[in-house]
Amino acid sequence: MPALIGDRDVTRAEPKDRDLAMVFQNYALYPYMTAFENLAFALKARGAPESEIRGRVERAAEMLGITDLLGRRPKPLSGGQQQRVAIGRAIVREPAAFLFDEPLSNLDAKLRVEMRTEILKLQRELGATILYVTHDQEEAMTLADEMVVMRAGRIAQRGGPREIYGSPGNVFVGTFVGSPQMNVIAGEVRDGAFHGPGFSVPVAGGVPAGPARLGIRAEHLRPGAVPDAPGTLRAHVEVIEFIGAAGVITIRLADGAELRALVPADALSSLSQGDDAHFTVDPADLHLFTADGEARLG
């Protein structure tokens, strides 16, 4: 299959001829050049006229909010400022597409969130294609129009963020995407239901009987269920973590398996560490996988 950028086949083209611009994890700025000179470097190497260089650099700097940094060298700049300069250096080239290699991994948590928003706005403004590599699933979910989840160098699943989150194709994708991580329970399907340790829940018709694994998102475990009703789990409350508008509750099932529930803060008042409690799940929210976790059943 040919590698296309737009309508152009670049399979055998040299990297310099593919019309791509790269933004690196470590910024890769020239330390002895000012920000202006870093942004202008590629254009000067191409022999672009000075008036064109200045115009492109100033437009990119205004877009990124770094106009006042153009006369400064990289060393005294913050990580976020250096990353903006690195992004600006790619923008001035006006390439066919951008490659971003974990560009936020060296920033602190607060700045990562801010820069994530800036990159999203920038992409909308440029209308450009950005191939963005990250190990941060939240970053991927926030930025992507389309995601490709990789596993051991192969595509595990491809689709929009909502599709991948809502219908993971296997246990690897289900547990990789989402925080807290998806709960996975081993059991078996028989008589139209999944049977786990001390509970059962109806499954969709057509699911074959036999060993299986059940995936439950943390936000779909709801406390205060009716005992012995279908889809009700009896569990021991191990830990309650208050995180503001919600709480993460670690619970233990009869067989010792630990699950995590994400519940609104106002629901925490009815639970205490050490309690035995009931949690319920809606069958419509469940994810059923084969016993080896490699394929989705429903």
Protein backbone atom coordinates (compact mmCIF):
# COMPACT_ATOMS: atom_id res chain seq x y z
CA MET A 1 0.00 0.00 0.00
CA PRO A 2 1.50 3.38 -0.98
CA ALA A 3 2.17 6.09 1.60
CA LEU A 4 0.14 9.12 0.58
CA ILE A 5 0.34 12.68 1.84
CA GLY A 6 -2.64 14.35 0.28
CA ASP A 7 -2.70 12.97 -3.25
CA ARG A 8 1.08 12.53 -3.44
CA ASP A 9 2.77 9.14 -3.18
CA VAL A 10 5.82 9.60 -0.95
CA THR A 11 6.63 5.93 -0.43
CA ARG A 12 10.05 6.20 -2.05
CA ALA A 13 10.64 9.91 -1.49
CA GLU A 14 13.57 11.05 0.62
CA PRO A 15 12.49 12.43 4.04
CA LYS A 16 13.49 15.95 2.99
CA ASP A 17 11.17 15.70 -0.02
CA ARG A 18 8.04 14.59 1.83
CA ASP A 19 7.00 18.10 2.89
CA LEU A 20 6.62 17.21 6.58
CA ALA A 21 7.51 19.29 9.62
CA MET A 22 8.59 17.63 12.87
CA VAL A 23 8.09 18.77 16.47
CA PHE A 24 10.37 16.82 18.79
CA GLN A 25 9.98 15.72 22.40
CA ASN A 26 13.16 17.52 23.45
CA TYR A 27 12.43 20.72 21.45
CA ALA A 28 15.77 20.47 19.49
CA LEU A 29 16.27 24.23 19.34
CA TYR A 30 19.60 25.73 18.34
CA PRO A 31 20.90 27.17 21.64
CA TYR A 32 23.09 29.87 20.05
CA MET A 33 20.21 31.27 17.98
CA THR A 34 17.40 33.56 19.09
CA ALA A 35 13.83 32.37 18.88
CA PHE A 36 13.43 34.40 15.67
CA GLU A 37 16.49 32.75 14.15
CA ASN A 38 15.27 29.29 15.16
CA LEU A 39 11.94 29.90 13.49
CA ALA A 40 13.56 31.34 10.38
CA PHE A 41 16.30 28.72 9.97
CA ALA A 42 14.54 26.36 7.53
CA LEU A 43 13.27 29.24 5.41
CA LYS A 44 16.74 30.78 5.18
CA ALA A 45 18.17 27.39 4.20
CA ARG A 46 15.69 27.33 1.32
CA GLY A 47 16.76 30.78 0.21
CA ALA A 48 13.40 32.44 0.91
CA PRO A 49 13.35 36.25 0.61
CA GLU A 50 13.86 38.19 3.86
CA SER A 51 10.44 39.82 3.60
CA GLU A 52 8.74 36.42 3.33
CA ILE A 53 10.77 35.02 6.22
CA ARG A 54 9.89 37.91 8.51
CA GLY A 55 6.22 37.76 7.59
CA ARG A 56 5.93 34.01 8.23
CA VAL A 57 7.87 34.18 11.49
CA GLU A 58 5.83 37.08 12.82
CA ARG A 59 2.54 35.40 11.90
CA ALA A 60 3.55 32.16 13.61
CA ALA A 61 4.82 34.03 16.69
CA GLU A 62 1.55 35.95 17.00
CA MET A 63 -0.44 32.74 16.62
CA LEU A 64 1.56 31.11 19.45
CA GLY A 65 1.80 34.16 21.71
CA ILE A 66 5.62 34.33 21.58
CA THR A 67 6.15 37.64 19.78
CA ASP A 68 7.89 39.10 22.84
CA LEU A 69 10.30 36.13 22.92
CA LEU A 70 11.67 36.42 19.38
CA GLY A 71 14.82 38.22 20.48
CA ARG A 72 15.69 35.74 23.23
CA ARG A 73 17.73 32.54 23.12
CA PRO A 74 16.24 29.20 24.26
CA LYS A 75 18.15 28.64 27.52
CA PRO A 76 16.34 31.20 29.72
CA LEU A 77 12.92 30.26 28.30
CA SER A 78 10.54 27.98 30.20
CA GLY A 79 9.71 24.52 28.88
CA GLY A 80 6.37 25.73 27.56
CA GLN A 81 7.96 28.71 25.82
CA GLN A 82 10.60 26.50 24.22
CA GLN A 83 7.92 24.12 22.98
CA ARG A 84 6.01 27.03 21.44
CA VAL A 85 9.16 28.07 19.60
CA ALA A 86 9.63 24.49 18.39
CA ILE A 87 6.04 24.38 17.15
CA GLY A 88 6.47 27.78 15.50
CA ARG A 89 9.55 26.52 13.66
CA ALA A 90 7.35 23.80 12.13
CA ILE A 91 4.48 26.18 11.34
CA VAL A 92 6.55 28.66 9.31
CA ARG A 93 7.39 25.91 6.84
CA GLU A 94 3.69 25.57 5.93
CA PRO A 95 4.11 21.82 5.33
CA ALA A 96 1.61 19.32 3.98
CA ALA A 97 1.42 17.68 7.43
CA PHE A 98 2.99 17.84 10.88
CA LEU A 99 4.61 15.08 12.97
CA PHE A 100 4.47 15.62 16.75
CA ASP A 101 6.60 13.19 18.78
CA GLU A 102 5.38 13.32 22.42
CA PRO A 103 5.78 17.11 22.42
CA LEU A 104 4.39 17.64 25.94
CA SER A 105 6.12 14.84 27.84
CA ASN A 106 8.79 17.13 29.32
CA LEU A 107 6.28 19.63 30.73
CA ASP A 108 4.70 19.66 34.18
CA ALA A 109 1.07 18.54 34.57
CA LYS A 110 -0.50 22.02 34.58
CA LEU A 111 1.44 23.18 31.55
CA ARG A 112 0.65 19.96 29.69
CA VAL A 113 -3.07 20.69 29.98
CA GLU A 114 -2.58 24.29 28.84
CA MET A 115 -0.43 23.32 25.88
CA ARG A 116 -2.85 20.56 24.92
CA THR A 117 -5.57 23.16 24.57
CA GLU A 118 -3.25 25.44 22.59
CA ILE A 119 -2.35 22.64 20.17
CA LEU A 120 -6.02 21.82 19.65
CA LYS A 121 -6.84 25.46 18.87
CA LEU A 122 -3.79 25.71 16.63
CA GLN A 123 -4.80 22.69 14.59
CA ARG A 124 -8.28 24.11 14.08
CA GLU A 125 -6.80 27.44 13.00
CA LEU A 126 -4.27 25.90 10.60
CA GLY A 127 -6.67 23.27 9.26
CA ALA A 128 -3.64 21.00 8.97
CA THR A 129 -3.16 17.28 9.51
CA ILE A 130 -1.10 16.46 12.61
CA LEU A 131 0.15 12.95 13.30
CA TYR A 132 0.58 13.04 17.07
CA VAL A 133 2.40 10.31 19.01
CA THR A 134 1.77 10.03 22.76
CA HIS A 135 1.72 7.45 25.54
CA ASP A 136 -0.84 9.57 27.42
CA GLN A 137 -4.30 8.16 26.62
CA GLU A 138 -6.04 11.26 28.01
CA GLU A 139 -3.97 13.44 25.69
CA ALA A 140 -4.89 11.22 22.76
CA MET A 141 -8.60 11.23 23.61
CA THR A 142 -8.62 15.02 23.94
CA LEU A 143 -6.76 15.87 20.76
CA ALA A 144 -7.68 13.19 18.26
CA ASP A 145 -10.23 13.22 15.48
CA GLU A 146 -9.07 9.68 14.80
CA MET A 147 -7.00 7.45 17.08
CA VAL A 148 -4.75 4.52 16.28
CA VAL A 149 -3.97 2.44 19.37
CA MET A 150 -0.69 0.56 18.91
CA ARG A 151 0.40 -2.65 20.63
CA ALA A 152 3.83 -4.18 20.11
CA GLY A 153 4.21 -2.31 16.84
CA ARG A 154 0.82 -3.35 15.44
CA ILE A 155 -2.53 -1.59 15.24
CA ALA A 156 -4.77 -2.81 18.06
CA GLN A 157 -7.72 -0.60 17.06
CA ARG A 158 -8.42 2.41 14.90
CA GLY A 159 -11.38 4.79 15.17
CA GLY A 160 -12.71 7.98 16.71
CA PRO A 161 -12.12 8.59 20.44
CA ARG A 162 -15.78 7.93 21.31
CA GLU A 163 -15.80 4.68 19.34
CA ILE A 164 -12.60 3.41 20.94
CA TYR A 165 -13.73 4.35 24.43
CA GLY A 166 -17.28 3.08 23.99
CA SER A 167 -16.54 -0.09 22.01
CA PRO A 168 -12.98 -1.27 22.67
CA GLY A 169 -12.09 -4.17 20.39
CA ASN A 170 -10.13 -6.09 23.00
CA VAL A 171 -9.09 -6.00 26.65
CA PHE A 172 -5.80 -4.23 25.87
CA VAL A 173 -7.58 -1.26 24.28
CA GLY A 174 -10.30 -1.24 26.95
CA THR A 175 -7.83 -1.05 29.81
CA PHE A 176 -5.43 1.33 28.07
CA VAL A 177 -8.05 3.98 27.30
CA GLY A 178 -9.87 5.45 30.29
CA SER A 179 -9.03 6.52 33.83
CA PRO A 180 -9.54 4.83 36.22
CA GLN A 181 -8.68 1.78 34.15
CA MET A 182 -11.51 -0.45 32.97
CA ASN A 183 -12.30 -3.26 35.41
CA VAL A 184 -11.97 -6.75 33.90
CA ILE A 185 -13.56 -9.83 35.52
CA ALA A 186 -13.06 -13.45 34.48
CA GLY A 187 -16.13 -15.70 34.37
CA GLU A 188 -18.34 -17.55 31.92
CA VAL A 189 -21.39 -17.03 29.78
CA ARG A 190 -24.24 -19.49 30.22
CA ASP A 191 -28.05 -19.33 30.05
CA GLY A 192 -27.99 -15.83 28.54
CA ALA A 193 -25.94 -14.25 31.33
CA PHE A 194 -22.34 -13.62 32.35
CA HIS A 195 -21.57 -15.28 35.67
CA GLY A 196 -18.75 -13.81 37.75
CA PRO A 197 -17.68 -14.23 41.39
CA GLY A 198 -20.93 -13.88 43.34
CA PHE A 199 -22.97 -12.10 40.67
CA SER A 200 -24.53 -12.51 37.25
CA VAL A 201 -25.67 -10.04 34.62
CA PRO A 202 -27.69 -10.56 31.41
CA VAL A 203 -25.82 -10.40 28.09
CA ALA A 204 -27.02 -9.71 24.57
CA GLY A 205 -28.43 -12.54 22.52
CA GLY A 206 -26.07 -14.41 20.24
CA VAL A 207 -23.09 -14.39 22.63
CA PRO A 208 -21.70 -17.94 22.71
CA ALA A 209 -21.57 -19.86 25.97
CA GLY A 210 -18.20 -20.49 27.55
CA PRO A 211 -15.38 -18.73 29.40
CA ALA A 212 -15.29 -14.95 28.90
CA ARG A 213 -14.06 -11.72 30.41
CA LEU A 214 -16.34 -8.85 31.40
CA GLY A 215 -15.24 -5.22 31.16
CA ILE A 216 -16.89 -2.56 33.36
CA ARG A 217 -15.94 1.11 33.20
CA ALA A 218 -15.42 2.63 36.64
CA GLU A 219 -18.17 5.22 36.10
CA HIS A 220 -20.68 2.45 35.34
CA LEU A 221 -20.38 0.84 38.79
CA ARG A 222 -23.10 2.55 40.80
CA PRO A 223 -23.47 2.18 44.58
CA GLY A 224 -26.76 1.56 46.39
CA ALA A 225 -28.14 -1.32 44.34
CA VAL A 226 -30.97 -3.64 45.30
CA PRO A 227 -29.47 -6.84 46.78
CA ASP A 228 -29.77 -9.97 44.61
CA ALA A 229 -31.10 -8.05 41.60
CA PRO A 230 -29.52 -8.98 38.21
CA GLY A 231 -26.33 -7.01 37.67
CA THR A 232 -25.78 -6.41 41.38
CA LEU A 233 -22.34 -7.00 42.88
CA ARG A 234 -21.77 -7.44 46.60
CA ALA A 235 -18.36 -6.11 47.55
CA HIS A 236 -16.19 -4.93 50.43
CA VAL A 237 -15.16 -1.26 50.38
CA GLU A 238 -11.36 -1.15 50.65
CA VAL A 239 -10.41 2.48 49.94
CA ILE A 240 -12.26 5.73 49.20
CA GLU A 241 -10.32 8.47 47.40
CA PHE A 242 -11.95 11.90 47.23
CA ILE A 243 -10.85 13.77 44.09
CA GLY A 244 -13.20 16.77 44.12
CA ALA A 245 -16.38 16.40 42.11
CA ALA A 246 -16.12 12.63 42.32
CA GLY A 247 -14.56 9.83 44.31
CA VAL A 248 -12.73 6.65 43.36
CA ILE A 249 -13.79 3.66 45.45
CA THR A 250 -11.71 0.48 45.48
CA ILE A 251 -13.89 -2.54 46.20
CA ARG A 252 -13.10 -6.24 46.59
CA LEU A 253 -15.31 -9.05 45.29
CA ALA A 254 -15.86 -12.45 46.91
CA ASP A 255 -12.98 -14.05 45.00
CA GLY A 256 -10.57 -11.28 46.01
CA ALA A 257 -10.67 -9.39 42.71
CA GLU A 258 -10.32 -5.62 43.09
CA LEU A 259 -12.50 -3.21 41.10
CA ARG A 260 -12.65 0.58 41.02
CA ALA A 261 -15.82 2.65 40.89
CA LEU A 262 -15.95 6.33 39.96
CA VAL A 263 -18.94 7.92 41.70
CA PRO A 264 -20.21 11.50 42.19
CA ALA A 265 -19.00 13.12 45.39
CA ASP A 266 -22.51 13.34 46.86
CA ALA A 267 -22.78 9.53 46.73
CA LEU A 268 -19.73 9.07 48.94
CA SER A 269 -21.55 10.04 52.14
CA SER A 270 -23.41 6.71 52.21
CA LEU A 271 -20.18 4.67 52.08
CA SER A 272 -17.31 4.16 54.49
CA GLN A 273 -14.07 2.23 54.29
CA GLY A 274 -14.63 -1.29 55.60
CA ASP A 275 -18.33 -1.41 54.62
CA ASP A 276 -19.95 -4.24 52.76
CA ALA A 277 -21.96 -2.62 49.99
CA HIS A 278 -23.83 -3.33 46.79
CA PHE A 279 -23.02 -1.91 43.37
CA THR A 280 -25.03 -2.30 40.19
CA VAL A 281 -24.23 -2.21 36.49
CA ASP A 282 -26.53 -1.62 33.55
CA PRO A 283 -26.17 -4.46 31.01
CA ALA A 284 -26.10 -1.84 28.25
CA ASP A 285 -22.84 -0.45 29.68
CA LEU A 286 -20.94 -3.74 29.78
CA HIS A 287 -18.13 -4.94 27.50
CA LEU A 288 -17.77 -8.65 26.89
CA PHE A 289 -14.55 -10.19 25.57
CA THR A 290 -13.25 -13.63 24.74
CA ALA A 291 -11.48 -15.52 27.54
CA ASP A 292 -8.04 -14.53 26.18
CA GLY A 293 -9.13 -10.89 25.92
CA GLU A 294 -8.15 -10.63 22.25
CA ALA A 295 -11.60 -10.03 20.74
CA ARG A 296 -14.85 -8.33 21.60
CA LEU A 297 -18.01 -10.42 21.98
CA GLY A 298 -20.49 -7.65 22.77
